[in-house]
Amino acid sequence: MEDRRKNKRLELSGDIVIKEITSGPKSDTVEIEIIDASTEGIGFTTDKQLMIGANYETNLTLWTKETVHVFIQIVRAWKEGDTYCYGGMFIGMPEDVKMHIGVYGTVEDALSELEE
Protein backbone atom coordinates (compact mmCIF):
# COMPACT_ATOMS: atom_id res chain seq x y z
CA MET A 1 0.00 0.00 0.00
CA GLU A 2 1.32 3.45 -0.92
CA ASP A 3 1.92 5.82 2.00
CA ARG A 4 0.33 9.15 1.05
CA ARG A 5 0.99 10.97 4.31
CA LYS A 6 2.28 14.54 4.03
CA ASN A 7 4.21 14.38 7.31
CA LYS A 8 6.34 11.77 9.03
CA ARG A 9 4.54 9.96 11.86
CA LEU A 10 6.23 9.84 15.24
CA GLU A 11 5.53 7.46 18.08
CA LEU A 12 5.28 9.68 21.14
CA SER A 13 4.68 8.44 24.62
CA GLY A 14 2.18 10.32 26.71
CA ASP A 15 -1.51 10.89 26.84
CA ILE A 16 -4.00 13.69 26.53
CA VAL A 17 -7.18 14.69 28.23
CA ILE A 18 -9.91 15.53 25.77
CA LYS A 19 -13.12 17.56 26.12
CA GLU A 20 -15.73 18.11 23.44
CA ILE A 21 -16.10 21.83 22.72
CA THR A 22 -19.78 21.72 21.84
CA SER A 23 -20.97 19.94 24.99
CA GLY A 24 -21.50 23.14 26.97
CA PRO A 25 -20.45 23.77 30.56
CA LYS A 26 -20.53 20.10 31.56
CA SER A 27 -18.09 18.02 29.56
CA ASP A 28 -16.50 14.60 29.94
CA THR A 29 -12.78 14.17 30.30
CA VAL A 30 -11.36 11.13 28.53
CA GLU A 31 -7.87 9.70 28.74
CA ILE A 32 -6.44 8.44 25.48
CA GLU A 33 -3.32 6.62 24.35
CA ILE A 34 -1.38 8.18 21.48
CA ILE A 35 -0.57 5.79 18.63
CA ASP A 36 1.34 8.29 16.51
CA ALA A 37 1.65 12.02 15.98
CA SER A 38 2.80 14.47 13.35
CA THR A 39 2.78 18.22 12.97
CA GLU A 40 -0.68 17.91 11.38
CA GLY A 41 -2.49 15.55 13.75
CA ILE A 42 -2.53 12.51 16.03
CA GLY A 43 -3.73 8.94 16.04
CA PHE A 44 -5.04 7.64 19.36
CA THR A 45 -7.14 5.00 21.07
CA THR A 46 -9.69 5.22 23.86
CA ASP A 47 -12.53 3.19 25.34
CA LYS A 48 -15.05 5.99 24.66
CA GLN A 49 -16.88 6.55 21.39
CA LEU A 50 -16.28 10.01 19.88
CA MET A 51 -18.00 11.72 16.95
CA ILE A 52 -16.34 12.04 13.53
CA GLY A 53 -16.29 15.72 12.60
CA ALA A 54 -16.53 16.88 16.23
CA ASN A 55 -13.97 19.33 17.59
CA TYR A 56 -12.29 18.66 20.93
CA GLU A 57 -10.21 20.75 23.28
CA THR A 58 -7.07 18.89 24.30
CA ASN A 59 -4.14 19.16 26.65
CA LEU A 60 -1.32 17.26 24.97
CA THR A 61 1.66 16.17 27.06
CA LEU A 62 4.83 16.13 24.96
CA TRP A 63 7.92 13.98 25.58
CA THR A 64 9.54 17.00 27.26
CA LYS A 65 6.74 16.84 29.88
CA GLU A 66 5.48 20.17 28.52
CA THR A 67 1.69 20.39 28.24
CA VAL A 68 0.25 22.26 25.27
CA HIS A 69 -3.34 23.36 24.79
CA VAL A 70 -4.59 22.58 21.26
CA PHE A 71 -7.78 21.70 19.40
CA ILE A 72 -8.38 18.64 17.22
CA GLN A 73 -11.08 17.57 14.83
CA ILE A 74 -11.83 13.84 14.53
CA VAL A 75 -11.41 12.91 10.85
CA ARG A 76 -11.46 9.10 10.93
CA ALA A 77 -12.50 6.32 13.29
CA TRP A 78 -12.57 2.53 13.50
CA LYS A 79 -13.09 -0.05 16.21
CA GLU A 80 -10.76 -2.89 17.21
CA GLY A 81 -12.46 -5.13 19.76
CA ASP A 82 -13.54 -2.94 22.68
CA THR A 83 -11.16 -0.12 21.70
CA TYR A 84 -12.01 2.87 19.53
CA CYS A 85 -9.23 4.17 17.28
CA TYR A 86 -9.22 7.73 15.94
CA GLY A 87 -7.33 10.05 13.67
CA GLY A 88 -7.50 13.71 14.60
CA MET A 89 -6.34 16.79 12.73
CA PHE A 90 -4.93 19.73 14.70
CA ILE A 91 -6.89 22.96 14.33
CA GLY A 92 -4.93 26.19 14.73
CA MET A 93 -1.89 24.59 16.32
CA PRO A 94 0.73 27.23 17.24
CA GLU A 95 3.87 27.17 15.09
CA ASP A 96 6.16 26.71 18.10
CA VAL A 97 4.36 23.48 19.02
CA LYS A 98 4.66 22.22 15.42
CA MET A 99 8.37 23.04 15.62
CA HIS A 100 8.72 20.99 18.86
CA ILE A 101 7.21 17.96 17.13
CA GLY A 102 9.40 18.49 14.04
CA VAL A 103 12.55 18.71 16.18
CA TYR A 104 11.62 15.45 17.89
CA GLY A 105 11.37 13.79 14.47
CA THR A 106 14.81 15.06 13.49
CA VAL A 107 16.35 13.81 16.75
CA GLU A 108 14.62 10.44 16.35
CA ASP A 109 16.05 10.09 12.81
CA ALA A 110 19.57 10.97 13.99
CA LEU A 111 19.41 8.42 16.81
CA SER A 112 18.18 5.73 14.39
CA GLU A 113 21.15 6.41 12.09
CA LEU A 114 23.58 6.14 15.01
CA GLU A 115 22.15 2.75 15.99
CA GLU A 116 22.69 1.31 12.50
C-alpha atoms as a PDB file:
ATOM      1  CA  MET A   1       0.000   0.000   0.000  1.00  0.00           C
ATOM      2  CA  GLU A   2       1.320   3.446  -0.925  1.00  0.00           C
ATOM      3  CA  ASP A   3       1.917   5.819   2.003  1.00  0.00           C
ATOM      4  CA  ARG A   4       0.329   9.153   1.049  1.00  0.00           C
ATOM      5  CA  ARG A   5       0.991  10.973   4.307  1.00  0.00           C
ATOM      6  CA  LYS A   6       2.283  14.535   4.030  1.00  0.00           C
ATOM      7  CA  ASN A   7       4.211  14.384   7.312  1.00  0.00           C
ATOM      8  CA  LYS A   8       6.337  11.770   9.029  1.00  0.00           C
ATOM      9  CA  ARG A   9       4.544   9.964  11.858  1.00  0.00           C
ATOM     10  CA  LEU A  10       6.227   9.843  15.239  1.00  0.00           C
ATOM     11  CA  GLU A  11       5.534   7.464  18.076  1.00  0.00           C
ATOM     12  CA  LEU A  12       5.285   9.681  21.144  1.00  0.00           C
ATOM     13  CA  SER A  13       4.676   8.441  24.622  1.00  0.00           C
ATOM     14  CA  GLY A  14       2.184  10.321  26.712  1.00  0.00           C
ATOM     15  CA  ASP A  15      -1.513  10.887  26.841  1.00  0.00           C
ATOM     16  CA  ILE A  16      -3.997  13.693  26.529  1.00  0.00           C
ATOM     17  CA  VAL A  17      -7.180  14.691  28.226  1.00  0.00           C
ATOM     18  CA  ILE A  18      -9.909  15.525  25.774  1.00  0.00           C
ATOM     19  CA  LYS A  19     -13.123  17.557  26.122  1.00  0.00           C
ATOM     20  CA  GLU A  20     -15.726  18.113  23.444  1.00  0.00           C
ATOM     21  CA  ILE A  21     -16.096  21.834  22.719  1.00  0.00           C
ATOM     22  CA  THR A  22     -19.783  21.716  21.841  1.00  0.00           C
ATOM     23  CA  SER A  23     -20.972  19.938  24.985  1.00  0.00           C
ATOM     24  CA  GLY A  24     -21.501  23.136  26.971  1.00  0.00           C
ATOM     25  CA  PRO A  25     -20.447  23.772  30.563  1.00  0.00           C
ATOM     26  CA  LYS A  26     -20.535  20.097  31.565  1.00  0.00           C
ATOM     27  CA  SER A  27     -18.087  18.016  29.564  1.00  0.00           C
ATOM     28  CA  ASP A  28     -16.497  14.597  29.942  1.00  0.00           C
ATOM     29  CA  THR A  29     -12.784  14.172  30.297  1.00  0.00           C
ATOM     30  CA  VAL A  30     -11.361  11.133  28.534  1.00  0.00           C
ATOM     31  CA  GLU A  31      -7.871   9.702  28.740  1.00  0.00           C
ATOM     32  CA  ILE A  32      -6.441   8.436  25.482  1.00  0.00           C
ATOM     33  CA  GLU A  33      -3.322   6.621  24.351  1.00  0.00           C
ATOM     34  CA  ILE A  34      -1.383   8.179  21.482  1.00  0.00           C
ATOM     35  CA  ILE A  35      -0.573   5.794  18.631  1.00  0.00           C
ATOM     36  CA  ASP A  36       1.335   8.290  16.506  1.00  0.00           C
ATOM     37  CA  ALA A  37       1.652  12.022  15.981  1.00  0.00           C
ATOM     38  CA  SER A  38       2.802  14.466  13.352  1.00  0.00           C
ATOM     39  CA  THR A  39       2.776  18.219  12.972  1.00  0.00           C
ATOM     40  CA  GLU A  40      -0.682  17.911  11.383  1.00  0.00           C
ATOM     41  CA  GLY A  41      -2.486  15.546  13.751  1.00  0.00           C
ATOM     42  CA  ILE A  42      -2.531  12.511  16.027  1.00  0.00           C
ATOM     43  CA  GLY A  43      -3.733   8.940  16.044  1.00  0.00           C
ATOM     44  CA  PHE A  44      -5.039   7.644  19.356  1.00  0.00           C
ATOM     45  CA  THR A  45      -7.142   5.004  21.069  1.00  0.00           C
ATOM     46  CA  THR A  46      -9.693   5.221  23.862  1.00  0.00           C
ATOM     47  CA  ASP A  47     -12.530   3.187  25.337  1.00  0.00           C
ATOM     48  CA  LYS A  48     -15.048   5.994  24.659  1.00  0.00           C
ATOM     49  CA  GLN A  49     -16.884   6.551  21.390  1.00  0.00           C
ATOM     50  CA  LEU A  50     -16.281  10.013  19.882  1.00  0.00           C
ATOM     51  CA  MET A  51     -17.995  11.715  16.946  1.00  0.00           C
ATOM     52  CA  ILE A  52     -16.342  12.038  13.530  1.00  0.00           C
ATOM     53  CA  GLY A  53     -16.294  15.723  12.601  1.00  0.00           C
ATOM     54  CA  ALA A  54     -16.527  16.878  16.229  1.00  0.00           C
ATOM     55  CA  ASN A  55     -13.966  19.333  17.589  1.00  0.00           C
ATOM     56  CA  TYR A  56     -12.291  18.657  20.927  1.00  0.00           C
ATOM     57  CA  GLU A  57     -10.206  20.752  23.279  1.00  0.00           C
ATOM     58  CA  THR A  58      -7.069  18.886  24.299  1.00  0.00           C
ATOM     59  CA  ASN A  59      -4.137  19.162  26.654  1.00  0.00           C
ATOM     60  CA  LEU A  60      -1.322  17.263  24.973  1.00  0.00           C
ATOM     61  CA  THR A  61       1.659  16.172  27.059  1.00  0.00           C
ATOM     62  CA  LEU A  62       4.833  16.127  24.957  1.00  0.00           C
ATOM     63  CA  TRP A  63       7.918  13.975  25.583  1.00  0.00           C
ATOM     64  CA  THR A  64       9.544  17.002  27.258  1.00  0.00           C
ATOM     65  CA  LYS A  65       6.739  16.837  29.883  1.00  0.00           C
ATOM     66  CA  GLU A  66       5.483  20.175  28.522  1.00  0.00           C
ATOM     67  CA  THR A  67       1.692  20.386  28.243  1.00  0.00           C
ATOM     68  CA  VAL A  68       0.251  22.257  25.269  1.00  0.00           C
ATOM     69  CA  HIS A  69      -3.336  23.362  24.789  1.00  0.00           C
ATOM     70  CA  VAL A  70      -4.594  22.580  21.259  1.00  0.00           C
ATOM     71  CA  PHE A  71      -7.779  21.702  19.401  1.00  0.00           C
ATOM     72  CA  ILE A  72      -8.377  18.643  17.216  1.00  0.00           C
ATOM     73  CA  GLN A  73     -11.084  17.566  14.832  1.00  0.00           C
ATOM     74  CA  ILE A  74     -11.828  13.839  14.533  1.00  0.00           C
ATOM     75  CA  VAL A  75     -11.414  12.909  10.851  1.00  0.00           C
ATOM     76  CA  ARG A  76     -11.465   9.105  10.929  1.00  0.00           C
ATOM     77  CA  ALA A  77     -12.501   6.320  13.287  1.00  0.00           C
ATOM     78  CA  TRP A  78     -12.571   2.532  13.497  1.00  0.00           C
ATOM     79  CA  LYS A  79     -13.086  -0.054  16.207  1.00  0.00           C
ATOM     80  CA  GLU A  80     -10.764  -2.892  17.210  1.00  0.00           C
ATOM     81  CA  GLY A  81     -12.461  -5.134  19.758  1.00  0.00           C
ATOM     82  CA  ASP A  82     -13.537  -2.943  22.678  1.00  0.00           C
ATOM     83  CA  THR A  83     -11.159  -0.120  21.704  1.00  0.00           C
ATOM     84  CA  TYR A  84     -12.011   2.865  19.535  1.00  0.00           C
ATOM     85  CA  CYS A  85      -9.230   4.167  17.280  1.00  0.00           C
ATOM     86  CA  TYR A  86      -9.221   7.733  15.938  1.00  0.00           C
ATOM     87  CA  GLY A  87      -7.327  10.051  13.674  1.00  0.00           C
ATOM     88  CA  GLY A  88      -7.504  13.708  14.600  1.00  0.00           C
ATOM     89  CA  MET A  89      -6.337  16.793  12.727  1.00  0.00           C
ATOM     90  CA  PHE A  90      -4.930  19.727  14.704  1.00  0.00           C
ATOM     91  CA  ILE A  91      -6.887  22.957  14.333  1.00  0.00           C
ATOM     92  CA  GLY A  92      -4.932  26.191  14.728  1.00  0.00           C
ATOM     93  CA  MET A  93      -1.887  24.595  16.320  1.00  0.00           C
ATOM     94  CA  PRO A  94       0.733  27.230  17.237  1.00  0.00           C
ATOM     95  CA  GLU A  95       3.874  27.167  15.087  1.00  0.00           C
ATOM     96  CA  ASP A  96       6.157  26.710  18.104  1.00  0.00           C
ATOM     97  CA  VAL A  97       4.363  23.480  19.018  1.00  0.00           C
ATOM     98  CA  LYS A  98       4.659  22.224  15.424  1.00  0.00           C
ATOM     99  CA  MET A  99       8.365  23.036  15.624  1.00  0.00           C
ATOM    100  CA  HIS A 100       8.718  20.991  18.855  1.00  0.00           C
ATOM    101  CA  ILE A 101       7.212  17.959  17.131  1.00  0.00           C
ATOM    102  CA  GLY A 102       9.404  18.490  14.037  1.00  0.00           C
ATOM    103  CA  VAL A 103      12.551  18.707  16.176  1.00  0.00           C
ATOM    104  CA  TYR A 104      11.620  15.453  17.888  1.00  0.00           C
ATOM    105  CA  GLY A 105      11.367  13.793  14.467  1.00  0.00           C
ATOM    106  CA  THR A 106      14.811  15.059  13.490  1.00  0.00           C
ATOM    107  CA  VAL A 107      16.350  13.810  16.746  1.00  0.00           C
ATOM    108  CA  GLU A 108      14.616  10.436  16.348  1.00  0.00           C
ATOM    109  CA  ASP A 109      16.047  10.087  12.809  1.00  0.00           C
ATOM    110  CA  ALA A 110      19.569  10.975  13.989  1.00  0.00           C
ATOM    111  CA  LEU A 111      19.408   8.422  16.812  1.00  0.00           C
ATOM    112  CA  SER A 112      18.183   5.734  14.393  1.00  0.00           C
ATOM    113  CA  GLU A 113      21.146   6.406  12.089  1.00  0.00           C
ATOM    114  CA  LEU A 114      23.584   6.142  15.010  1.00  0.00           C
ATOM    115  CA  GLU A 115      22.152   2.751  15.989  1.00  0.00           C
ATOM    116  CA  GLU A 116      22.688   1.311  12.495  1.00  0.00           C
END
